[in-house]
Structure formats: structure tokens, C-alpha cells
Amino acid sequence: MQRTLIKSATVISMDDAIGDLNTGDVLIEGSRIVDVRPSIELDGGASETEIVDGKGRIVIPGLINAHMHTWQTGLRGYAANWTLLEYFRRMHAGLATVFRPEDIHIATLVGALNQINCGTTTLVDWCHNNPTPAHTDAAVRGLIESGIRAAFFHGSPKPEPKPGEPHFSEIPHPRREIERLLAGPLADRDGLVTLGLAILGPHYSTLDVAMHDFRLARELKLIASMHQGGGPAKTPGGWEKLIGAGLVGPGINIVHGNDLPDDLLDRLVDLGVSFSVTPENEMIQGHGFPITGRLLKRGVRPTIGIDLESVLAGDLLCVARIALSMQRALDNAESRKESGTIPATTTIPVREALRWITTEGARMLGRENQIGSLTPGKHADLVIISACDLNLVPVHDPVAAVVMQTGLANIEAVMIGGAWKKRNGRLLVEGLEAKKELLAQSGGRLVHDIERQGRAA
């Protein structure tokens, strides 16, 4: 069995029992972490073990991106100036309608590779542009080919209905398609790529559809994730009816949630619902202020997602830093309003932000015993950061260095399931230039086709 020993690194385990090690070793056998401590001496077979010099490096758990629409990778920056209302009209009712399966495939593949490049080892791919099984299969194939650990959240398209067709809010999630995926490419519920549901939820569907979709997720024991926010709800009072039916609890994931009233948020938190915040995109597109602080006041932590590369960069550490800075700013402003002066101390330590993109992401996925920390027995998903780089040296506080100062250029190596995906600052991918060219061709064609139709104006 292949063994890898990372020696003499600064280790941020995110495991409370292990803590942080100023100088520590991490031993991997096969796909699992088997030991993390200050010094590991091999009993035998050292010649079969890859020794990685960790001096001047910080090792952290692989990052978990809790929400991204990876199918939009080929449209990077195209929606940067759109509000949420413009996005609904110009993306879902416009550009999304001209995607072919091959567009979904290359966007998902390259988007997932970029996530690995940025230090993300688990991606929640919220795919809601899959009008045919071929589109769905193309997305799943892209995730598998990338080598990333992923939760493929199967969604549904949102075009404007043609005459005689029902509105998307009236269409239940397709049971037959979910059963097909569970019997086929995503049959292994503990595999590298697993399945979840990206449903409409009560904000974007009728009550009958919401009831159907929640019951489907519970029956099939799948996470049900849904957007919450962006204009008036399709089903006012829908959450109360779903709660009354006993359908709301662990395994329900709310994305955004900016406009949730306090009393409803209290009930959802008490029922064990998880929350995925996409702070940078929410502030850009007009969702409202992220609910990070509202959650923290209720004793729960958010997970963090990129959301849209059609709007912003796919760097999860950057988005976590924005989430932290934004909430500190809100807290500071509230304190100044009450006291008339600068707060005496900060409200959120930097370690909190690292939890949001590691251990909390694992918890949201129900995989806290498998990923999210450098713990013996868990999957060997980790990131090595070059702490000797010009923008990081000297490192006084390793957690602060990771959260507040680390950028893409510092991500030296990434491992997923014991396999190196990035080494010495380079992705270990064959034909990357050709893949980039295919993505560029796809994005160019999509923009050309929709502009020709006059539907992106």
C-alpha cells in the first residue's frame, strides 16, 4: 500500500483533539490519514514511503465549497454587472437555454479542476441546467474526470414556459431521473462523487411541488438543498406548512436565506437545518446582507460557497475572508452605533472562517466522520501551502496566514483521497491547454448564440 509521510510541517488539523502543531507530521496510507502528531517514525518499509518535506509549509484540511453552479464556468465574468433579477432573466431564461451537453461537460470539468487548483477538495456542484439526461450525465462525467470529491446536487432548469407548458415552479422533481442516477453513475453513496437534490423549495415552487420534493428526498435519504430569497415567495407560509408536515430537519439545506424572518430562522435552526452562505455574490447581486452573524448568534455556523464564476472568482479562501470581513464590519457598525466608539475587541476570530470551509462543510454533507479535518481514519484530503512565499513570511499565526493572506499562488499541493492532484504549484492534469481551449470555444459559442437571438440584451 502506498504511503506518504509529510514531515516537519505546520499542521492545522481542525480536529480539537489534535489541535495545531507548530511542527508536525502527517502519515497517509492508501486513501486514508493514519496518524497526525509532532513526530512519526516509520517502523519499516520506509523505502516504500514518499517523504514530503514540510518545512516552511502549512498543511490544512482540503477546503469544502458548499455551493457552486459549476456549469457556468464557460461564462466567467459575463454576469459580473447583473443584479439577481437580471441574472434570472438573462441566464436562466436566456443563456441556459442554449447549452448543449458538451457545454455542461467542459464547464463542469474545468470548473472542478480550478477548484482543486485553489485548494478545494470537495465541491457541492448545484447543477440546475440539465434539461435532458444527457446534460446531467455530461455534468457527472465532468466531475468524475476531474478527480475532485463532489456532491452532485441534481437540479432542474428554469426557462420561461412556452405556450401550453407549465411554469417550472409547478413541476415536481423528476423521481425517475434520480432513481436512474442512483442505479447508475452515482450508485455508490460513499464514492468520490455522490448525489443530492437541488430542489426548488417553497420560495420557488408551489406547495404541492415542495411537499413532493421534500418527501422524495426523505424517502431516498438524500440531502435536499434549495435557494431561499430573491423576490417574493411562490408559496407564502410554505415553510410553516412543511414544518407542520414534519418534513423539515437534518438533511435540509438552505442556500442564502437573507430574507428569512427571525422567528422562522429560529425554528429552522432548532430543527437542524443547515445553511450555505455565498457572501460575495449575495452582496454583488442584491440578495441582501449574508446571514452569517444571524446564524452565529443562534449558535450555529454557516457553510460557505462560491456560487457563480459567471460573476466572481472561484477562490474559496477569498470568499471566506470576505464573509469574515463583512460580518466583522456589521458587528463593528452595530457596536459603534450603541457605544459611539470603536469596539474593544473583534467579534469573530479567523479560525471561525476556516471552520466554515472545512468542518462545517463536512457536517452539512453528513460526512463529518469522513472529511473536513486532518483526523486519523478520515479521507486523505489536504492542502499544502508554501509559507515561505513573499506574501506570507513571516508567519506569526498560521491560521491567520491561511485565512487572511493565502492566495492561489501559495497553494503548492493538493491531495484527494491519498492521490496528489497538484504538486509544486501545478495541476497534475493531462491536456489542460486543450481543455481550456474547449472551454473558451464553448463560452464563445454560447454568448454568440444567445446574442444572435437577442435574449441577453
Protein backbone atom coordinates (compact mmCIF):
# COMPACT_ATOMS: atom_id res chain seq x y z
CA MET A 1 0.00 0.00 0.00
CA GLN A 2 1.30 3.44 -0.98
CA ARG A 3 2.34 5.55 1.98
CA THR A 4 3.06 9.27 2.15
CA LEU A 5 4.67 10.99 5.12
CA ILE A 6 4.63 14.78 5.32
CA LYS A 7 7.44 15.73 7.70
CA SER A 8 8.05 18.82 9.85
CA ALA A 9 5.19 20.97 8.61
CA THR A 10 2.98 23.39 10.47
CA VAL A 11 -0.25 21.40 10.79
CA ILE A 12 -3.67 22.97 11.26
CA SER A 13 -5.72 19.84 11.83
CA MET A 14 -9.15 21.40 12.61
CA ASP A 15 -9.52 18.43 14.97
CA ASP A 16 -9.97 19.68 18.53
CA ALA A 17 -8.28 16.60 19.98
CA ILE A 18 -5.18 17.04 17.82
CA GLY A 19 -5.09 20.84 17.63
CA ASP A 20 -2.44 22.78 15.76
CA LEU A 21 1.14 21.55 15.54
CA ASN A 22 3.89 24.11 15.02
CA THR A 23 5.98 21.23 13.75
CA GLY A 24 4.16 18.04 12.92
CA ASP A 25 3.93 15.02 10.66
CA VAL A 26 1.01 13.59 8.70
CA LEU A 27 1.06 9.94 7.62
CA ILE A 28 -1.20 8.71 4.81
CA GLU A 29 -1.68 5.07 3.83
CA GLY A 30 -3.69 4.42 0.71
CA SER A 31 -6.61 6.83 0.71
CA ARG A 32 -6.70 7.50 4.46
CA ILE A 33 -4.92 9.54 7.09
CA VAL A 34 -3.48 7.14 9.66
CA ASP A 35 -1.54 9.42 12.01
CA VAL A 36 -1.04 13.10 12.85
CA ARG A 37 1.42 14.04 15.60
CA PRO A 38 4.61 16.02 16.29
CA SER A 39 6.94 13.28 15.04
CA ILE A 40 6.25 9.99 13.28
CA GLU A 41 8.97 7.35 12.95
CA LEU A 42 8.30 4.60 10.44
CA ASP A 43 8.61 1.05 11.77
CA GLY A 44 9.56 -0.40 8.42
CA GLY A 45 9.09 -0.11 4.72
CA ALA A 46 10.42 3.42 4.65
CA SER A 47 11.72 2.79 1.14
CA GLU A 48 8.10 2.37 0.01
CA THR A 49 7.03 5.64 1.60
CA GLU A 50 7.11 9.00 -0.15
CA ILE A 51 8.67 11.51 2.22
CA VAL A 52 7.45 15.07 1.67
CA ASP A 53 9.47 17.89 3.21
CA GLY A 54 7.02 20.07 5.13
CA LYS A 55 9.47 22.66 6.39
CA GLY A 56 8.25 26.15 5.62
CA ARG A 57 4.83 24.79 4.72
CA ILE A 58 1.36 24.76 6.30
CA VAL A 59 -0.84 21.70 5.94
CA ILE A 60 -4.61 22.17 6.25
CA PRO A 61 -7.65 20.00 5.52
CA GLY A 62 -8.97 20.17 1.99
CA LEU A 63 -11.46 23.00 1.57
CA ILE A 64 -15.18 22.32 1.06
CA ASN A 65 -17.04 24.59 -1.36
CA ALA A 66 -20.64 24.29 -0.19
CA HIS A 67 -22.40 25.82 -3.20
CA MET A 68 -21.41 26.42 -6.81
CA HIS A 69 -23.14 26.33 -10.19
CA THR A 70 -20.17 24.85 -11.99
CA TRP A 71 -21.99 24.69 -15.32
CA GLN A 72 -21.40 28.45 -15.71
CA THR A 73 -17.58 28.22 -15.83
CA GLY A 74 -17.50 28.97 -19.57
CA LEU A 75 -19.25 32.29 -18.88
CA ARG A 76 -16.68 33.66 -16.43
CA GLY A 77 -17.25 37.35 -15.78
CA TYR A 78 -20.15 37.60 -18.21
CA ALA A 79 -22.68 38.30 -15.43
CA ALA A 80 -20.40 40.49 -13.29
CA ASN A 81 -22.64 43.56 -13.63
CA TRP A 82 -26.02 41.86 -13.25
CA THR A 83 -28.38 42.08 -10.34
CA LEU A 84 -30.25 38.96 -9.29
CA LEU A 85 -33.27 39.94 -11.38
CA GLU A 86 -31.09 40.40 -14.45
CA TYR A 87 -29.47 37.05 -13.71
CA PHE A 88 -32.84 35.27 -13.66
CA ARG A 89 -33.81 36.80 -16.99
CA ARG A 90 -30.51 36.73 -18.84
CA MET A 91 -29.05 33.46 -17.50
CA HIS A 92 -31.91 31.09 -16.75
CA ALA A 93 -34.37 32.34 -19.35
CA GLY A 94 -31.60 33.16 -21.81
CA LEU A 95 -28.11 31.68 -21.88
CA ALA A 96 -29.04 28.46 -20.07
CA THR A 97 -31.40 27.52 -22.88
CA VAL A 98 -28.63 27.24 -25.50
CA PHE A 99 -26.36 24.89 -23.54
CA ARG A 100 -25.56 21.58 -25.14
CA PRO A 101 -24.40 18.57 -23.10
CA GLU A 102 -20.83 19.17 -24.26
CA ASP A 103 -21.01 22.73 -22.85
CA ILE A 104 -22.08 21.36 -19.48
CA HIS A 105 -19.30 18.77 -19.56
CA ILE A 106 -16.38 21.07 -20.30
CA ALA A 107 -17.63 23.77 -17.93
CA THR A 108 -18.02 21.29 -15.09
CA LEU A 109 -14.68 19.62 -15.79
CA VAL A 110 -12.64 22.83 -15.97
CA GLY A 111 -14.58 24.43 -13.12
CA ALA A 112 -13.86 21.43 -10.89
CA LEU A 113 -10.18 21.44 -11.89
CA ASN A 114 -9.96 25.11 -10.94
CA GLN A 115 -11.47 24.28 -7.57
CA ILE A 116 -8.71 21.74 -6.99
CA ASN A 117 -6.16 24.30 -8.12
CA CYS A 118 -7.50 26.73 -5.48
CA GLY A 119 -7.39 24.16 -2.67
CA THR A 120 -10.97 22.85 -2.74
CA THR A 121 -11.10 19.08 -2.40
CA THR A 122 -14.89 18.72 -2.02
CA LEU A 123 -17.27 20.60 -4.31
CA VAL A 124 -21.03 20.85 -3.93
CA ASP A 125 -21.99 21.18 -7.59
CA TRP A 126 -25.53 22.61 -7.66
CA CYS A 127 -26.47 21.73 -11.24
CA HIS A 128 -29.76 23.32 -12.32
CA ASN A 129 -29.28 23.44 -16.08
CA ASN A 130 -29.96 19.86 -17.04
CA PRO A 131 -32.97 19.75 -19.38
CA THR A 132 -32.12 16.22 -20.57
CA PRO A 133 -30.44 13.14 -19.07
CA ALA A 134 -27.58 13.78 -21.49
CA HIS A 135 -26.92 17.15 -19.84
CA THR A 136 -26.97 15.54 -16.41
CA ASP A 137 -24.63 12.74 -17.45
CA ALA A 138 -22.25 15.25 -19.01
CA ALA A 139 -22.01 17.13 -15.71
CA VAL A 140 -21.45 13.96 -13.68
CA ARG A 141 -18.81 12.80 -16.17
CA GLY A 142 -17.00 16.12 -15.84
CA LEU A 143 -16.85 15.79 -12.05
CA ILE A 144 -15.59 12.22 -12.25
CA GLU A 145 -12.93 13.10 -14.83
CA SER A 146 -11.66 15.99 -12.70
CA GLY A 147 -10.83 13.74 -9.75
CA ILE A 148 -12.46 16.06 -7.24
CA ARG A 149 -14.60 14.81 -4.38
CA ALA A 150 -18.06 16.12 -5.16
CA ALA A 151 -21.68 16.13 -4.14
CA PHE A 152 -23.67 16.43 -7.36
CA PHE A 153 -26.89 18.21 -6.41
CA HIS A 154 -29.31 17.43 -9.22
CA GLY A 155 -31.50 20.43 -10.05
CA SER A 156 -33.91 21.48 -12.76
CA PRO A 157 -33.89 24.18 -15.47
CA LYS A 158 -35.81 27.44 -15.11
CA PRO A 159 -36.69 28.71 -18.59
CA GLU A 160 -39.71 30.80 -19.41
CA PRO A 161 -42.51 28.35 -20.29
CA LYS A 162 -43.69 28.05 -23.87
CA PRO A 163 -47.42 28.37 -24.62
CA GLY A 164 -49.26 25.44 -23.06
CA GLU A 165 -46.34 24.41 -20.84
CA PRO A 166 -46.44 24.63 -17.03
CA HIS A 167 -44.21 27.09 -15.21
CA PHE A 168 -41.11 25.46 -13.72
CA SER A 169 -42.49 26.13 -10.23
CA GLU A 170 -45.29 23.67 -10.96
CA ILE A 171 -43.06 20.76 -11.99
CA PRO A 172 -42.11 18.18 -9.31
CA HIS A 173 -38.53 16.99 -9.14
CA PRO A 174 -38.15 14.02 -11.51
CA ARG A 175 -38.15 10.82 -9.45
CA ARG A 176 -37.31 8.66 -12.45
CA GLU A 177 -34.14 10.64 -13.18
CA ILE A 178 -32.97 10.46 -9.56
CA GLU A 179 -33.57 6.72 -9.45
CA ARG A 180 -31.64 6.37 -12.71
CA LEU A 181 -28.64 8.15 -11.23
CA LEU A 182 -28.78 6.11 -8.04
CA ALA A 183 -28.85 2.92 -10.07
CA GLY A 184 -26.10 4.05 -12.43
CA PRO A 185 -23.20 6.51 -12.26
CA LEU A 186 -23.89 7.61 -8.67
CA ALA A 187 -24.83 4.24 -7.19
CA ASP A 188 -22.00 4.29 -4.61
CA ARG A 189 -23.21 6.54 -1.80
CA ASP A 190 -19.71 6.57 -0.33
CA GLY A 191 -17.98 7.15 -3.66
CA LEU A 192 -15.92 10.11 -4.77
CA VAL A 193 -18.99 11.68 -6.43
CA THR A 194 -22.30 11.34 -4.61
CA LEU A 195 -25.85 12.54 -5.20
CA GLY A 196 -28.07 15.17 -3.59
CA LEU A 197 -31.17 17.09 -4.65
CA ALA A 198 -31.17 20.74 -5.72
CA ILE A 199 -34.90 21.33 -5.33
CA LEU A 200 -36.98 24.47 -5.77
CA GLY A 201 -38.21 24.68 -2.20
CA PRO A 202 -41.18 26.77 -1.02
CA HIS A 203 -39.66 30.02 -2.20
CA TYR A 204 -39.62 28.98 -5.85
CA SER A 205 -42.32 26.30 -6.16
CA THR A 206 -45.96 25.64 -5.41
CA LEU A 207 -46.78 23.97 -2.12
CA ASP A 208 -47.67 20.67 -3.83
CA VAL A 209 -44.30 20.59 -5.56
CA ALA A 210 -42.43 21.48 -2.36
CA MET A 211 -44.23 18.72 -0.45
CA HIS A 212 -43.44 16.22 -3.21
CA ASP A 213 -39.77 17.17 -3.36
CA PHE A 214 -39.22 17.12 0.41
CA ARG A 215 -40.86 13.70 0.64
CA LEU A 216 -38.77 12.41 -2.25
CA ALA A 217 -35.54 13.49 -0.55
CA ARG A 218 -36.59 11.90 2.74
CA GLU A 219 -37.63 8.64 1.08
CA LEU A 220 -34.36 8.32 -0.84
CA LYS A 221 -32.28 9.57 2.12
CA LEU A 222 -30.73 12.41 0.10
CA ILE A 223 -29.83 15.96 1.11
CA ALA A 224 -32.40 18.45 -0.19
CA SER A 225 -30.84 21.84 -0.90
CA MET A 226 -32.80 24.89 -2.06
CA HIS A 227 -32.37 28.58 -2.73
CA GLN A 228 -34.24 30.90 -0.37
CA GLY A 229 -34.56 34.54 -1.33
CA GLY A 230 -34.76 36.81 -4.32
CA GLY A 231 -38.17 38.42 -4.51
CA PRO A 232 -41.48 37.32 -3.01
CA ALA A 233 -42.03 33.65 -2.19
CA LYS A 234 -44.02 31.50 -4.59
CA THR A 235 -45.67 29.87 -1.58
CA PRO A 236 -46.16 32.33 1.29
CA GLY A 237 -46.25 30.39 4.55
CA GLY A 238 -44.77 27.37 2.80
CA TRP A 239 -42.12 26.72 5.41
CA GLU A 240 -44.71 26.63 8.17
CA LYS A 241 -46.73 24.05 6.24
CA LEU A 242 -43.65 21.91 5.57
CA ILE A 243 -42.67 22.11 9.24
CA GLY A 244 -46.23 21.17 10.23
CA ALA A 245 -46.00 18.12 7.96
CA GLY A 246 -42.82 17.01 9.76
CA LEU A 247 -40.67 17.33 6.64
CA VAL A 248 -38.09 19.84 7.88
CA GLY A 249 -35.00 18.72 9.79
CA PRO A 250 -31.43 17.49 9.31
CA GLY A 251 -30.68 16.91 5.64
CA ILE A 252 -32.46 20.11 4.59
CA ASN A 253 -30.04 22.77 3.34
CA ILE A 254 -30.98 26.40 2.71
CA VAL A 255 -28.82 28.49 0.38
CA HIS A 256 -28.73 32.27 1.02
CA GLY A 257 -31.72 32.80 3.35
CA ASN A 258 -31.16 36.57 3.51
CA ASP A 259 -34.83 37.46 3.93
CA LEU A 260 -35.81 34.79 6.48
CA PRO A 261 -37.66 36.44 9.38
CA ASP A 262 -36.16 35.92 12.83
CA ASP A 263 -38.92 33.69 14.16
CA LEU A 264 -38.74 31.35 11.17
CA LEU A 265 -34.94 31.30 11.31
CA ASP A 266 -35.20 30.30 14.98
CA ARG A 267 -37.44 27.36 14.10
CA LEU A 268 -35.27 26.21 11.20
CA VAL A 269 -32.14 26.31 13.38
CA ASP A 270 -33.89 24.38 16.14
CA LEU A 271 -34.94 21.72 13.62
CA GLY A 272 -31.33 21.16 12.50
CA VAL A 273 -31.47 22.76 9.05
CA SER A 274 -28.06 23.68 7.58
CA PHE A 275 -27.29 26.96 5.82
CA SER A 276 -24.95 27.73 2.91
CA VAL A 277 -23.98 31.36 2.52
CA THR A 278 -22.44 32.79 -0.64
CA PRO A 279 -21.42 36.18 0.76
CA GLU A 280 -19.60 37.77 -2.13
CA ASN A 281 -22.26 37.01 -4.72
CA GLU A 282 -25.11 37.87 -2.35
CA MET A 283 -23.69 41.34 -1.82
CA ILE A 284 -22.97 41.82 -5.53
CA GLN A 285 -26.35 40.75 -6.90
CA GLY A 286 -28.65 42.28 -4.30
CA HIS A 287 -29.78 39.34 -2.19
CA GLY A 288 -29.16 41.37 0.97
CA PHE A 289 -26.56 41.05 3.69
CA PRO A 290 -25.43 37.45 4.31
CA ILE A 291 -26.94 35.84 7.40
CA THR A 292 -23.58 34.78 8.84
CA GLY A 293 -23.95 36.82 12.01
CA ARG A 294 -27.62 35.92 12.49
CA LEU A 295 -26.64 32.25 12.45
CA LEU A 296 -23.71 32.72 14.81
CA LYS A 297 -25.98 34.47 17.31
CA ARG A 298 -28.15 31.35 17.26
CA GLY A 299 -25.24 29.06 17.98
CA VAL A 300 -24.81 27.58 14.50
CA ARG A 301 -22.16 28.11 11.86
CA PRO A 302 -22.69 28.63 8.13
CA THR A 303 -21.04 26.82 5.28
CA ILE A 304 -19.57 28.95 2.50
CA GLY A 305 -19.90 28.68 -1.27
CA ILE A 306 -18.60 30.47 -4.35
CA ASP A 307 -21.96 30.44 -6.16
CA LEU A 308 -21.24 31.85 -9.64
CA GLU A 309 -17.99 32.00 -11.58
CA SER A 310 -20.01 33.90 -14.17
CA VAL A 311 -19.81 36.72 -11.60
CA LEU A 312 -16.71 36.24 -9.44
CA ALA A 313 -13.55 34.22 -8.89
CA GLY A 314 -13.59 30.58 -7.78
CA ASP A 315 -11.19 31.11 -4.86
CA LEU A 316 -12.88 29.78 -1.70
CA LEU A 317 -10.32 31.20 0.70
CA CYS A 318 -11.02 34.65 -0.73
CA VAL A 319 -14.77 34.22 -0.27
CA ALA A 320 -14.30 33.00 3.33
CA ARG A 321 -12.21 36.09 4.01
CA ILE A 322 -14.97 38.27 2.55
CA ALA A 323 -17.54 36.51 4.75
CA LEU A 324 -15.44 37.14 7.83
CA SER A 325 -14.69 40.78 6.95
CA MET A 326 -18.28 41.54 6.06
CA GLN A 327 -19.63 40.19 9.35
CA ARG A 328 -16.94 41.92 11.38
CA ALA A 329 -17.92 45.16 9.63
CA LEU A 330 -21.59 44.67 10.50
CA ASP A 331 -20.71 43.83 14.10
CA ASN A 332 -18.38 46.82 14.35
CA ALA A 333 -21.02 49.15 12.94
CA GLU A 334 -23.59 47.87 15.43
CA SER A 335 -21.15 48.33 18.28
CA ARG A 336 -20.27 51.87 17.21
CA LYS A 337 -23.96 52.72 16.96
CA GLU A 338 -24.56 51.51 20.50
CA SER A 339 -21.40 52.81 22.17
CA GLY A 340 -20.33 55.66 19.92
CA THR A 341 -16.77 54.36 19.73
CA ILE A 342 -14.57 51.64 18.25
CA PRO A 343 -15.31 48.13 19.59
CA ALA A 344 -12.97 46.92 22.33
CA THR A 345 -12.31 43.60 20.58
CA THR A 346 -13.24 41.72 17.42
CA THR A 347 -16.29 39.50 17.38
CA ILE A 348 -15.16 36.62 15.16
CA PRO A 349 -11.69 35.01 15.23
CA VAL A 350 -10.12 33.93 11.97
CA ARG A 351 -10.34 30.24 12.93
CA GLU A 352 -14.12 30.53 12.64
CA ALA A 353 -13.85 31.33 8.93
CA LEU A 354 -11.64 28.29 8.39
CA ARG A 355 -14.27 26.13 10.10
CA TRP A 356 -16.90 27.40 7.67
CA ILE A 357 -14.97 25.97 4.70
CA THR A 358 -13.76 22.74 6.32
CA THR A 359 -15.54 21.08 9.25
CA GLU A 360 -18.88 22.83 8.70
CA GLY A 361 -18.96 21.88 5.03
CA ALA A 362 -18.41 18.27 6.04
CA ARG A 363 -21.21 18.49 8.61
CA MET A 364 -23.65 19.94 6.07
CA LEU A 365 -22.98 16.97 3.79
CA GLY A 366 -23.36 14.49 6.65
CA ARG A 367 -19.75 13.45 6.12
CA GLU A 368 -18.13 14.86 9.24
CA ASN A 369 -16.69 11.42 10.02
CA GLN A 370 -15.02 11.24 6.60
CA ILE A 371 -13.74 14.70 5.61
CA GLY A 372 -13.22 18.22 6.95
CA SER A 373 -10.27 17.71 9.31
CA LEU A 374 -6.88 16.02 9.43
CA THR A 375 -8.04 13.16 11.61
CA PRO A 376 -6.76 9.56 11.53
CA GLY A 377 -9.29 7.41 9.72
CA LYS A 378 -10.64 10.19 7.50
CA HIS A 379 -10.05 10.52 3.78
CA ALA A 380 -6.64 11.98 2.99
CA ASP A 381 -7.92 15.28 1.56
CA LEU A 382 -5.43 18.03 2.30
CA VAL A 383 -3.74 21.18 1.06
CA ILE A 384 -0.09 22.21 1.41
CA ILE A 385 0.56 25.95 1.49
CA SER A 386 4.01 27.42 0.84
CA ALA A 387 4.52 29.61 3.89
CA CYS A 388 7.91 30.87 2.70
CA ASP A 389 6.37 32.87 -0.13
CA LEU A 390 6.89 36.61 -0.20
CA ASN A 391 3.30 37.43 0.79
CA LEU A 392 3.26 35.08 3.81
CA VAL A 393 6.64 35.29 5.53
CA PRO A 394 6.97 35.69 8.49
CA VAL A 395 4.12 33.54 9.81
CA HIS A 396 3.23 34.56 13.36
CA ASP A 397 -0.22 32.96 13.41
CA PRO A 398 -0.65 30.09 10.91
CA VAL A 399 -4.44 30.23 10.94
CA ALA A 400 -4.39 33.96 10.24
CA ALA A 401 -1.86 33.39 7.48
CA VAL A 402 -4.17 30.88 5.82
CA VAL A 403 -7.41 32.83 6.15
CA MET A 404 -6.22 36.40 5.74
CA GLN A 405 -3.20 36.20 3.45
CA THR A 406 -3.09 32.99 1.45
CA GLY A 407 -3.89 33.21 -2.26
CA LEU A 408 -3.88 30.87 -5.22
CA ALA A 409 -0.14 31.33 -5.79
CA ASN A 410 0.58 29.86 -2.34
CA ILE A 411 -1.34 26.59 -2.93
CA GLU A 412 1.62 24.29 -3.52
CA ALA A 413 -0.02 20.87 -3.40
CA VAL A 414 -3.46 19.28 -3.13
CA MET A 415 -4.26 15.69 -2.25
CA ILE A 416 -7.66 14.00 -2.59
CA GLY A 417 -8.20 10.50 -1.23
CA GLY A 418 -4.46 9.94 -0.91
CA ALA A 419 -3.75 10.88 -4.53
CA TRP A 420 -1.84 14.01 -5.47
CA LYS A 421 -3.86 16.31 -7.72
CA LYS A 422 -1.47 19.25 -7.59
CA ARG A 423 2.28 19.29 -6.87
CA ASN A 424 4.86 22.05 -6.91
CA GLY A 425 2.18 24.57 -7.82
CA ARG A 426 0.99 22.67 -10.92
CA LEU A 427 -2.17 20.67 -11.53
CA LEU A 428 -1.41 17.06 -12.44
CA VAL A 429 -3.74 17.02 -15.44
CA GLU A 430 -3.07 15.84 -18.95
CA GLY A 431 -4.19 18.02 -21.83
CA LEU A 432 -5.04 21.05 -19.70
CA GLU A 433 -4.38 23.52 -22.52
CA ALA A 434 -6.75 21.63 -24.81
CA LYS A 435 -9.41 21.65 -22.11
CA LYS A 436 -9.02 25.40 -21.68
CA GLU A 437 -9.41 25.87 -25.42
CA LEU A 438 -12.59 23.76 -25.47
CA LEU A 439 -13.97 25.88 -22.61
CA ALA A 440 -13.19 29.08 -24.49
CA GLN A 441 -14.88 27.75 -27.62
CA SER A 442 -17.93 26.71 -25.63
CA GLY A 443 -18.24 30.07 -23.88
CA GLY A 444 -17.80 31.96 -27.12
CA ARG A 445 -20.47 29.93 -28.88
CA LEU A 446 -22.95 30.33 -26.00
CA VAL A 447 -22.58 34.10 -25.99
CA HIS A 448 -22.76 34.28 -29.78
CA ASP A 449 -25.88 32.13 -29.95
CA ILE A 450 -27.81 34.00 -27.29
CA GLU A 451 -26.80 37.44 -28.55
CA ARG A 452 -27.85 36.43 -32.01
CA GLN A 453 -31.26 35.56 -30.60
CA GLY A 454 -31.40 38.91 -28.80
CA ARG A 455 -32.15 37.20 -25.46
CA ALA A 456 -29.18 38.52 -23.48
CA ALA A 457 -29.98 42.18 -24.06
